[in-house]
PDB file of N, CA and C in Angstrom:
ATOM      1  N   UNK A   1       1.324  -3.890  -2.435  1.00  0.00           N
ATOM      2  CA  UNK A   1       0.791  -4.349  -3.411  1.00  0.00           C
ATOM      3  C   UNK A   1      -0.464  -4.068  -3.311  1.00  0.00           C
ATOM      4  N   UNK A   2      -1.213  -2.551  -3.967  1.00  0.00           N
ATOM      5  CA  UNK A   2      -2.989  -2.327  -4.626  1.00  0.00           C
ATOM      6  C   UNK A   2      -3.205  -3.040  -5.926  1.00  0.00           C
ATOM      7  N   UNK A   3      -4.085  -2.825  -5.647  1.00  0.00           N
ATOM      8  CA  UNK A   3      -4.731  -3.579  -6.853  1.00  0.00           C
ATOM      9  C   UNK A   3      -6.109  -3.171  -6.547  1.00  0.00           C
ATOM     10  N   UNK A   4      -6.758  -2.616  -7.697  1.00  0.00           N
ATOM     11  CA  UNK A   4      -8.893  -1.654  -7.194  1.00  0.00           C
ATOM     12  C   UNK A   4      -8.439  -0.499  -8.540  1.00  0.00           C
ATOM     13  N   UNK A   5      -9.894  -0.745  -7.864  1.00  0.00           N
ATOM     14  CA  UNK A   5     -10.579   0.869  -9.004  1.00  0.00           C
ATOM     15  C   UNK A   5     -10.127   1.589  -8.312  1.00  0.00           C
ATOM     16  N   UNK A   6     -10.084   2.595  -8.867  1.00  0.00           N
ATOM     17  CA  UNK A   6      -9.313   3.350  -8.671  1.00  0.00           C
ATOM     18  C   UNK A   6      -9.410   4.982  -8.493  1.00  0.00           C
ATOM     19  N   UNK A   7      -9.188   5.140  -7.995  1.00  0.00           N
ATOM     20  CA  UNK A   7      -9.933   6.555  -6.704  1.00  0.00           C
ATOM     21  C   UNK A   7      -9.037   8.046  -6.807  1.00  0.00           C
ATOM     22  N   UNK A   8      -9.675   8.937  -6.256  1.00  0.00           N
ATOM     23  CA  UNK A   8      -8.903  10.661  -6.290  1.00  0.00           C
ATOM     24  C   UNK A   8      -7.996  10.404  -5.052  1.00  0.00           C
ATOM     25  N   UNK A   9      -7.000  10.280  -4.842  1.00  0.00           N
ATOM     26  CA  UNK A   9      -6.120  10.489  -3.589  1.00  0.00           C
ATOM     27  C   UNK A   9      -6.404   9.528  -3.142  1.00  0.00           C
ATOM     28  N   UNK A  10      -5.614   8.421  -3.398  1.00  0.00           N
ATOM     29  CA  UNK A  10      -5.326   7.111  -2.843  1.00  0.00           C
ATOM     30  C   UNK A  10      -4.561   7.233  -2.830  1.00  0.00           C
ATOM     31  N   UNK A  11      -3.507   7.964  -3.927  1.00  0.00           N
ATOM     32  CA  UNK A  11      -1.684   7.033  -3.851  1.00  0.00           C
ATOM     33  C   UNK A  11      -1.847   7.908  -2.337  1.00  0.00           C
ATOM     34  N   UNK A  12      -2.284   9.373  -1.687  1.00  0.00           N
ATOM     35  CA  UNK A  12      -1.925   9.965  -0.427  1.00  0.00           C
ATOM     36  C   UNK A  12      -2.573   9.485   0.836  1.00  0.00           C
ATOM     37  N   UNK A  13      -3.400   9.325   0.359  1.00  0.00           N
ATOM     38  CA  UNK A  13      -4.274   8.196   1.477  1.00  0.00           C
ATOM     39  C   UNK A  13      -3.610   6.635   1.267  1.00  0.00           C
ATOM     40  N   UNK A  14      -2.963   6.254   1.157  1.00  0.00           N
ATOM     41  CA  UNK A  14      -1.281   5.613   1.665  1.00  0.00           C
ATOM     42  C   UNK A  14      -0.197   5.513   2.088  1.00  0.00           C
ATOM     43  N   UNK A  15       0.032   6.301   1.512  1.00  0.00           N
ATOM     44  CA  UNK A  15       1.178   7.950   2.244  1.00  0.00           C
ATOM     45  C   UNK A  15       0.891   7.897   3.369  1.00  0.00           C
ATOM     46  N   UNK A  16      -0.457   8.479   3.600  1.00  0.00           N
ATOM     47  CA  UNK A  16      -0.717   8.974   5.099  1.00  0.00           C
ATOM     48  C   UNK A  16      -0.305   7.876   6.258  1.00  0.00           C
ATOM     49  N   UNK A  17      -1.765   6.875   5.657  1.00  0.00           N
ATOM     50  CA  UNK A  17      -0.824   5.202   7.339  1.00  0.00           C
ATOM     51  C   UNK A  17       0.492   5.785   6.621  1.00  0.00           C
ATOM     52  N   UNK A  18       1.128   5.243   6.140  1.00  0.00           N
ATOM     53  CA  UNK A  18       2.400   4.895   6.342  1.00  0.00           C
ATOM     54  C   UNK A  18       3.369   5.261   7.048  1.00  0.00           C
ATOM     55  N   UNK A  19       3.066   6.556   6.677  1.00  0.00           N
ATOM     56  CA  UNK A  19       3.366   8.339   7.338  1.00  0.00           C
ATOM     57  C   UNK A  19       3.213   8.337   8.998  1.00  0.00           C
ATOM     58  N   UNK A  20       1.664   8.159   8.995  1.00  0.00           N
ATOM     59  CA  UNK A  20       1.242   8.499  10.214  1.00  0.00           C
ATOM     60  C   UNK A  20       1.832   6.791  11.129  1.00  0.00           C
ATOM     61  N   UNK A  21       2.071   6.124  10.973  1.00  0.00           N
ATOM     62  CA  UNK A  21       3.304   5.055  11.959  1.00  0.00           C
ATOM     63  C   UNK A  21       4.388   4.586  11.410  1.00  0.00           C
ATOM     64  N   UNK A  22       5.251   6.061  11.095  1.00  0.00           N
ATOM     65  CA  UNK A  22       6.540   5.926  11.389  1.00  0.00           C
ATOM     66  C   UNK A  22       7.085   5.699  10.185  1.00  0.00           C
ATOM     67  N   UNK A  23       6.646   5.622   8.699  1.00  0.00           N
ATOM     68  CA  UNK A  23       6.791   4.505   8.574  1.00  0.00           C
ATOM     69  C   UNK A  23       7.411   6.021   6.587  1.00  0.00           C
ATOM     70  N   UNK A  24       8.646   5.342   6.500  1.00  0.00           N
ATOM     71  CA  UNK A  24       8.641   5.890   4.490  1.00  0.00           C
ATOM     72  C   UNK A  24       8.711   5.546   3.735  1.00  0.00           C
ATOM     73  N   UNK A  25       8.230   6.535   2.371  1.00  0.00           N
ATOM     74  CA  UNK A  25       8.284   5.356   0.885  1.00  0.00           C
ATOM     75  C   UNK A  25       9.527   5.913   0.353  1.00  0.00           C
ATOM     76  N   UNK A  26      10.384   4.824   0.325  1.00  0.00           N
ATOM     77  CA  UNK A  26      11.662   4.002  -0.828  1.00  0.00           C
ATOM     78  C   UNK A  26      11.442   4.072  -1.605  1.00  0.00           C
ATOM     79  N   UNK A  27      10.419   3.346  -2.789  1.00  0.00           N
ATOM     80  CA  UNK A  27      10.191   3.333  -3.634  1.00  0.00           C
ATOM     81  C   UNK A  27       8.693   2.744  -4.049  1.00  0.00           C
ATOM     82  N   UNK A  28       8.522   4.085  -5.010  1.00  0.00           N
ATOM     83  CA  UNK A  28       6.840   3.338  -6.058  1.00  0.00           C
ATOM     84  C   UNK A  28       6.658   3.012  -7.105  1.00  0.00           C
ATOM     85  N   UNK A  29       5.048   2.370  -7.946  1.00  0.00           N
ATOM     86  CA  UNK A  29       4.724   2.277  -9.086  1.00  0.00           C
ATOM     87  C   UNK A  29       3.840   2.302  -9.076  1.00  0.00           C
ATOM     88  N   UNK A  30       3.364   3.277 -10.495  1.00  0.00           N
ATOM     89  CA  UNK A  30       1.999   2.756 -10.204  1.00  0.00           C
ATOM     90  C   UNK A  30       1.579   3.056 -11.629  1.00  0.00           C
ATOM     91  N   UNK A  31       0.451   2.565 -12.290  1.00  0.00           N
ATOM     92  CA  UNK A  31       0.066   2.617 -13.622  1.00  0.00           C
ATOM     93  C   UNK A  31      -1.737   1.872 -13.586  1.00  0.00           C
ATOM     94  N   UNK A  32      -1.367   2.388 -14.239  1.00  0.00           N
ATOM     95  CA  UNK A  32      -3.246   1.887 -14.693  1.00  0.00           C
ATOM     96  C   UNK A  32      -3.574   0.676 -16.066  1.00  0.00           C
ATOM     97  N   UNK A  33      -3.722   0.686 -16.313  1.00  0.00           N
ATOM     98  CA  UNK A  33      -5.960  -0.319 -17.010  1.00  0.00           C
ATOM     99  C   UNK A  33      -6.220  -0.489 -17.061  1.00  0.00           C
ATOM    100  N   UNK A  34      -7.368  -0.086 -18.464  1.00  0.00           N
ATOM    101  CA  UNK A  34      -8.599  -0.596 -18.326  1.00  0.00           C
ATOM    102  C   UNK A  34      -9.065  -1.977 -18.160  1.00  0.00           C
ATOM    103  N   UNK A  35     -10.165  -2.352 -16.780  1.00  0.00           N
ATOM    104  CA  UNK A  35     -10.828  -3.562 -16.921  1.00  0.00           C
ATOM    105  C   UNK A  35     -10.816  -4.615 -17.974  1.00  0.00           C
ATOM    106  N   UNK A  36     -11.006  -5.587 -18.444  1.00  0.00           N
ATOM    107  CA  UNK A  36     -11.505  -6.304 -19.076  1.00  0.00           C
ATOM    108  C   UNK A  36     -13.011  -5.817 -19.281  1.00  0.00           C
ATOM    109  N   UNK A  37     -13.470  -6.340 -17.972  1.00  0.00           N
ATOM    110  CA  UNK A  37     -15.157  -6.424 -18.224  1.00  0.00           C
ATOM    111  C   UNK A  37     -15.409  -5.173 -17.586  1.00  0.00           C
ATOM    112  N   UNK A  38     -16.473  -4.636 -18.009  1.00  0.00           N
ATOM    113  CA  UNK A  38     -16.747  -2.831 -17.289  1.00  0.00           C
ATOM    114  C   UNK A  38     -15.782  -1.909 -18.331  1.00  0.00           C
ATOM    115  N   UNK A  39     -15.259  -2.216 -18.476  1.00  0.00           N
ATOM    116  CA  UNK A  39     -14.169  -0.609 -18.735  1.00  0.00           C
ATOM    117  C   UNK A  39     -13.834   0.178 -17.989  1.00  0.00           C
ATOM    118  N   UNK A  40     -13.760  -0.140 -16.783  1.00  0.00           N
ATOM    119  CA  UNK A  40     -13.559   1.065 -15.888  1.00  0.00           C
ATOM    120  C   UNK A  40     -12.503   0.459 -15.013  1.00  0.00           C
ATOM    121  N   UNK A  41     -11.105   1.993 -15.004  1.00  0.00           N
ATOM    122  CA  UNK A  41     -10.759   2.053 -14.447  1.00  0.00           C
ATOM    123  C   UNK A  41      -9.257   1.150 -13.536  1.00  0.00           C
ATOM    124  N   UNK A  42      -9.161   0.054 -13.773  1.00  0.00           N
ATOM    125  CA  UNK A  42      -7.424  -0.014 -12.534  1.00  0.00           C
ATOM    126  C   UNK A  42      -6.743   0.593 -12.195  1.00  0.00           C
ATOM    127  N   UNK A  43      -6.399   0.599 -10.766  1.00  0.00           N
ATOM    128  CA  UNK A  43      -5.356   1.256 -10.397  1.00  0.00           C
ATOM    129  C   UNK A  43      -4.262  -0.041  -9.392  1.00  0.00           C
ATOM    130  N   UNK A  44      -2.558   0.045  -9.405  1.00  0.00           N
ATOM    131  CA  UNK A  44      -2.496  -0.781  -9.504  1.00  0.00           C
ATOM    132  C   UNK A  44      -0.715   0.333  -8.273  1.00  0.00           C
ATOM    133  N   UNK A  45      -0.690   0.055  -7.443  1.00  0.00           N
ATOM    134  CA  UNK A  45       0.308   0.397  -6.886  1.00  0.00           C
ATOM    135  C   UNK A  45       1.451  -0.375  -6.243  1.00  0.00           C
ATOM    136  N   UNK A  46       2.889  -0.371  -6.455  1.00  0.00           N
ATOM    137  CA  UNK A  46       4.337  -1.450  -5.240  1.00  0.00           C
ATOM    138  C   UNK A  46       4.660  -0.374  -5.399  1.00  0.00           C
ATOM    139  N   UNK A  47       5.816  -0.983  -4.071  1.00  0.00           N
ATOM    140  CA  UNK A  47       6.288  -0.125  -3.932  1.00  0.00           C
ATOM    141  C   UNK A  47       7.494  -0.395  -2.617  1.00  0.00           C
ATOM    142  N   UNK A  48       8.569  -0.070  -1.533  1.00  0.00           N
ATOM    143  CA  UNK A  48       8.709  -0.899  -0.424  1.00  0.00           C
ATOM    144  C   UNK A  48       9.119   0.292   0.187  1.00  0.00           C
ATOM    145  N   UNK A  49       8.479  -0.006   1.366  1.00  0.00           N
ATOM    146  CA  UNK A  49       8.911   1.337   2.880  1.00  0.00           C
ATOM    147  C   UNK A  49       9.699   0.558   3.743  1.00  0.00           C
ATOM    148  N   UNK A  50      10.268   1.587   5.089  1.00  0.00           N
ATOM    149  CA  UNK A  50      10.359   1.181   5.546  1.00  0.00           C
ATOM    150  C   UNK A  50       9.978   2.341   6.770  1.00  0.00           C
ATOM    151  N   UNK A  51      10.180   1.172   7.809  1.00  0.00           N
ATOM    152  CA  UNK A  51      10.617   2.248   9.288  1.00  0.00           C
ATOM    153  C   UNK A  51      12.193   2.249   9.757  1.00  0.00           C
ATOM    154  N   UNK A  52      12.372   3.350  10.107  1.00  0.00           N
ATOM    155  CA  UNK A  52      14.000   3.533  10.188  1.00  0.00           C
ATOM    156  C   UNK A  52      13.627   3.160  12.405  1.00  0.00           C
ATOM    157  N   UNK A  53      15.024   3.051  11.783  1.00  0.00           N
ATOM    158  CA  UNK A  53      15.811   2.082  13.755  1.00  0.00           C
ATOM    159  C   UNK A  53      16.792   2.732  14.173  1.00  0.00           C
ATOM    160  N   UNK A  54      16.447   3.117  15.852  1.00  0.00           N
ATOM    161  CA  UNK A  54      15.300   2.046  16.110  1.00  0.00           C
ATOM    162  C   UNK A  54      14.275   2.334  15.665  1.00  0.00           C
ATOM    163  N   UNK A  55      13.631   1.551  15.975  1.00  0.00           N
ATOM    164  CA  UNK A  55      11.913   1.271  16.211  1.00  0.00           C
ATOM    165  C   UNK A  55      10.811   1.865  16.899  1.00  0.00           C
ATOM    166  N   UNK A  56      10.061   2.600  16.719  1.00  0.00           N
ATOM    167  CA  UNK A  56       9.492   4.042  17.336  1.00  0.00           C
ATOM    168  C   UNK A  56       8.811   2.843  18.466  1.00  0.00           C
ATOM    169  N   UNK A  57       8.501   2.938  19.324  1.00  0.00           N
ATOM    170  CA  UNK A  57       7.969   2.506  20.852  1.00  0.00           C
ATOM    171  C   UNK A  57       6.302   1.862  20.045  1.00  0.00           C
ATOM    172  N   UNK A  58       6.386   0.980  20.447  1.00  0.00           N
ATOM    173  CA  UNK A  58       4.092   1.367  19.874  1.00  0.00           C
ATOM    174  C   UNK A  58       4.206   0.323  18.688  1.00  0.00           C
ATOM    175  N   UNK A  59       4.400   0.578  17.483  1.00  0.00           N
ATOM    176  CA  UNK A  59       5.154   0.061  16.282  1.00  0.00           C
ATOM    177  C   UNK A  59       4.609  -1.075  15.926  1.00  0.00           C
ATOM    178  N   UNK A  60       3.902  -1.277  14.966  1.00  0.00           N
ATOM    179  CA  UNK A  60       2.885  -2.534  15.371  1.00  0.00           C
ATOM    180  C   UNK A  60       2.880  -2.573  14.232  1.00  0.00           C
ATOM    181  N   UNK A  61       3.035  -3.243  12.780  1.00  0.00           N
ATOM    182  CA  UNK A  61       3.361  -3.816  11.585  1.00  0.00           C
ATOM    183  C   UNK A  61       1.999  -4.441  11.855  1.00  0.00           C
ATOM    184  N   UNK A  62       0.952  -4.763  11.762  1.00  0.00           N
ATOM    185  CA  UNK A  62      -0.023  -5.925  12.316  1.00  0.00           C
ATOM    186  C   UNK A  62      -1.225  -4.885  13.024  1.00  0.00           C
ATOM    187  N   UNK A  63      -1.638  -3.358  12.723  1.00  0.00           N
ATOM    188  CA  UNK A  63      -1.936  -2.611  12.708  1.00  0.00           C
ATOM    189  C   UNK A  63      -1.856  -1.645  11.381  1.00  0.00           C
ATOM    190  N   UNK A  64      -1.051  -2.017  11.400  1.00  0.00           N
ATOM    191  CA  UNK A  64       0.085  -1.247  10.051  1.00  0.00           C
ATOM    192  C   UNK A  64      -1.427  -1.858   8.704  1.00  0.00           C
ATOM    193  N   UNK A  65      -0.756  -3.177   8.407  1.00  0.00           N
ATOM    194  CA  UNK A  65      -1.716  -3.771   8.379  1.00  0.00           C
ATOM    195  C   UNK A  65      -3.214  -3.514   8.224  1.00  0.00           C
ATOM    196  N   UNK A  66      -3.799  -3.668   8.973  1.00  0.00           N
ATOM    197  CA  UNK A  66      -5.655  -4.147   9.700  1.00  0.00           C
ATOM    198  C   UNK A  66      -5.800  -2.826   8.495  1.00  0.00           C
ATOM    199  N   UNK A  67      -4.724  -1.027   9.187  1.00  0.00           N
ATOM    200  CA  UNK A  67      -5.153   0.153   8.543  1.00  0.00           C
ATOM    201  C   UNK A  67      -5.414   0.697   7.027  1.00  0.00           C
ATOM    202  N   UNK A  68      -4.419  -0.113   6.356  1.00  0.00           N
ATOM    203  CA  UNK A  68      -4.668  -0.720   4.719  1.00  0.00           C
ATOM    204  C   UNK A  68      -5.645  -1.028   3.815  1.00  0.00           C
ATOM    205  N   UNK A  69      -5.779  -2.108   4.831  1.00  0.00           N
ATOM    206  CA  UNK A  69      -6.672  -3.247   4.315  1.00  0.00           C
ATOM    207  C   UNK A  69      -7.903  -3.135   4.648  1.00  0.00           C
ATOM    208  N   UNK A  70      -8.441  -2.021   5.752  1.00  0.00           N
ATOM    209  CA  UNK A  70      -9.239  -0.830   6.083  1.00  0.00           C
ATOM    210  C   UNK A  70      -9.942  -0.658   4.943  1.00  0.00           C
ATOM    211  N   UNK A  71      -8.609   0.381   4.599  1.00  0.00           N
ATOM    212  CA  UNK A  71      -9.014   1.698   3.516  1.00  0.00           C
ATOM    213  C   UNK A  71      -9.318   1.090   1.716  1.00  0.00           C
ATOM    214  N   UNK A  72      -8.661  -0.418   2.204  1.00  0.00           N
ATOM    215  CA  UNK A  72      -8.948  -0.803   0.646  1.00  0.00           C
ATOM    216  C   UNK A  72     -10.235  -1.315   0.758  1.00  0.00           C
ATOM    217  N   UNK A  73     -10.498  -1.711   1.950  1.00  0.00           N
ATOM    218  CA  UNK A  73     -12.399  -2.376   1.868  1.00  0.00           C
ATOM    219  C   UNK A  73     -13.033  -0.948   1.474  1.00  0.00           C
ATOM    220  N   UNK A  74     -12.874   0.249   2.176  1.00  0.00           N
ATOM    221  CA  UNK A  74     -13.560   1.612   1.363  1.00  0.00           C
ATOM    222  C   UNK A  74     -13.345   1.744   0.218  1.00  0.00           C
ATOM    223  N   UNK A  75     -11.693   1.784  -0.299  1.00  0.00           N
ATOM    224  CA  UNK A  75     -12.333   2.570  -1.783  1.00  0.00           C
ATOM    225  C   UNK A  75     -11.859   0.870  -2.468  1.00  0.00           C
ATOM    226  N   UNK A  76     -13.015   0.336  -2.154  1.00  0.00           N
ATOM    227  CA  UNK A  76     -13.398  -1.193  -2.922  1.00  0.00           C
ATOM    228  C   UNK A  76     -11.583  -1.472  -4.036  1.00  0.00           C
ATOM    229  N   UNK A  77     -10.433  -2.423  -3.679  1.00  0.00           N
ATOM    230  CA  UNK A  77      -9.534  -2.101  -3.547  1.00  0.00           C
ATOM    231  C   UNK A  77      -8.766  -2.791  -2.898  1.00  0.00           C
ATOM    232  N   UNK A  78      -7.908  -4.129  -3.224  1.00  0.00           N
ATOM    233  CA  UNK A  78      -7.188  -4.860  -2.431  1.00  0.00           C
ATOM    234  C   UNK A  78      -6.098  -4.859  -2.385  1.00  0.00           C
ATOM    235  N   UNK A  79      -5.609  -4.021  -0.526  1.00  0.00           N
ATOM    236  CA  UNK A  79      -3.845  -3.852  -0.532  1.00  0.00           C
ATOM    237  C   UNK A  79      -3.775  -4.393   0.922  1.00  0.00           C
ATOM    238  N   UNK A  80      -2.095  -5.276   0.445  1.00  0.00           N
ATOM    239  CA  UNK A  80      -1.679  -6.757   1.534  1.00  0.00           C
ATOM    240  C   UNK A  80      -0.345  -4.838   1.391  1.00  0.00           C
ATOM    241  N   UNK A  81       0.698  -5.831   2.366  1.00  0.00           N
ATOM    242  CA  UNK A  81       1.650  -4.655   2.924  1.00  0.00           C
ATOM    243  C   UNK A  81       1.990  -6.387   3.109  1.00  0.00           C
ATOM    244  N   UNK A  82       3.688  -6.503   2.824  1.00  0.00           N
ATOM    245  CA  UNK A  82       4.336  -8.121   2.945  1.00  0.00           C
ATOM    246  C   UNK A  82       5.619  -7.611   3.969  1.00  0.00           C
ATOM    247  N   UNK A  83       5.822  -7.930   5.155  1.00  0.00           N
ATOM    248  CA  UNK A  83       6.979  -7.976   5.700  1.00  0.00           C
ATOM    249  C   UNK A  83       8.483  -8.705   5.296  1.00  0.00           C
ATOM    250  N   UNK A  84       8.530  -8.380   5.290  1.00  0.00           N
ATOM    251  CA  UNK A  84      10.640  -7.737   4.198  1.00  0.00           C
ATOM    252  C   UNK A  84      11.915  -6.691   5.434  1.00  0.00           C
ATOM    253  N   UNK A  85      12.729  -7.522   5.140  1.00  0.00           N
ATOM    254  CA  UNK A  85      13.847  -6.544   4.582  1.00  0.00           C
ATOM    255  C   UNK A  85      14.540  -5.550   5.160  1.00  0.00           C
ATOM    256  N   UNK A  86      16.200  -5.276   5.366  1.00  0.00           N
ATOM    257  CA  UNK A  86      16.652  -4.943   4.625  1.00  0.00           C
ATOM    258  C   UNK A  86      17.278  -5.265   2.424  1.00  0.00           C
ATOM    259  N   UNK A  87      16.912  -3.835   2.295  1.00  0.00           N
ATOM    260  CA  UNK A  87      17.273  -4.789   0.153  1.00  0.00           C
ATOM    261  C   UNK A  87      16.255  -5.783  -0.438  1.00  0.00           C
ATOM    262  N   UNK A  88      14.807  -6.705   0.001  1.00  0.00           N
ATOM    263  CA  UNK A  88      14.295  -7.304   0.477  1.00  0.00           C
ATOM    264  C   UNK A  88      13.162  -6.767  -1.322  1.00  0.00           C
ATOM    265  N   UNK A  89      13.318  -7.231  -2.321  1.00  0.00           N
ATOM    266  CA  UNK A  89      12.458  -7.143  -3.401  1.00  0.00           C
ATOM    267  C   UNK A  89      11.679  -7.739  -3.435  1.00  0.00           C
ATOM    268  N   UNK A  90       9.600  -6.756  -3.169  1.00  0.00           N
ATOM    269  CA  UNK A  90       8.717  -8.040  -2.804  1.00  0.00           C
ATOM    270  C   UNK A  90       8.067  -7.597  -3.747  1.00  0.00           C
ATOM    271  N   UNK A  91       7.413  -8.321  -4.248  1.00  0.00           N
ATOM    272  CA  UNK A  91       6.415  -8.692  -5.019  1.00  0.00           C
ATOM    273  C   UNK A  91       5.056  -9.790  -5.001  1.00  0.00           C
ATOM    274  N   UNK A  92       3.855  -9.115  -5.050  1.00  0.00           N
ATOM    275  CA  UNK A  92       2.816 -10.588  -4.496  1.00  0.00           C
ATOM    276  C   UNK A  92       1.954  -9.159  -5.336  1.00  0.00           C
ATOM    277  N   UNK A  93       1.074 -10.409  -5.989  1.00  0.00           N
ATOM    278  CA  UNK A  93      -0.193  -9.735  -7.029  1.00  0.00           C
ATOM    279  C   UNK A  93      -1.217 -10.726  -6.506  1.00  0.00           C
ATOM    280  N   UNK A  94      -2.634 -10.126  -6.403  1.00  0.00           N
ATOM    281  CA  UNK A  94      -3.238 -10.243  -5.249  1.00  0.00           C
ATOM    282  C   UNK A  94      -4.855 -10.719  -6.395  1.00  0.00           C
TER     283      UNK A  94
END
């Protein structure tokens, strides 16, 4: 889940982190809204991504989470990846 300031290329950057770590996006939803204070545009993205089995050697979910959080810090937004099982629909607000 991603929520924060809208930035050009944000979807591409998140997708690149996932792809570079052997993950694929199955489903993605995006939306935007005007922040209640300040009038800036807030961007929201949620979705489901997976890694194919057998998982590649060196696959590290914690490393991916760290990379996503670092990107969030850079772009002034909250990004969270939650572990799940196939068929899980994860929804988490930050």
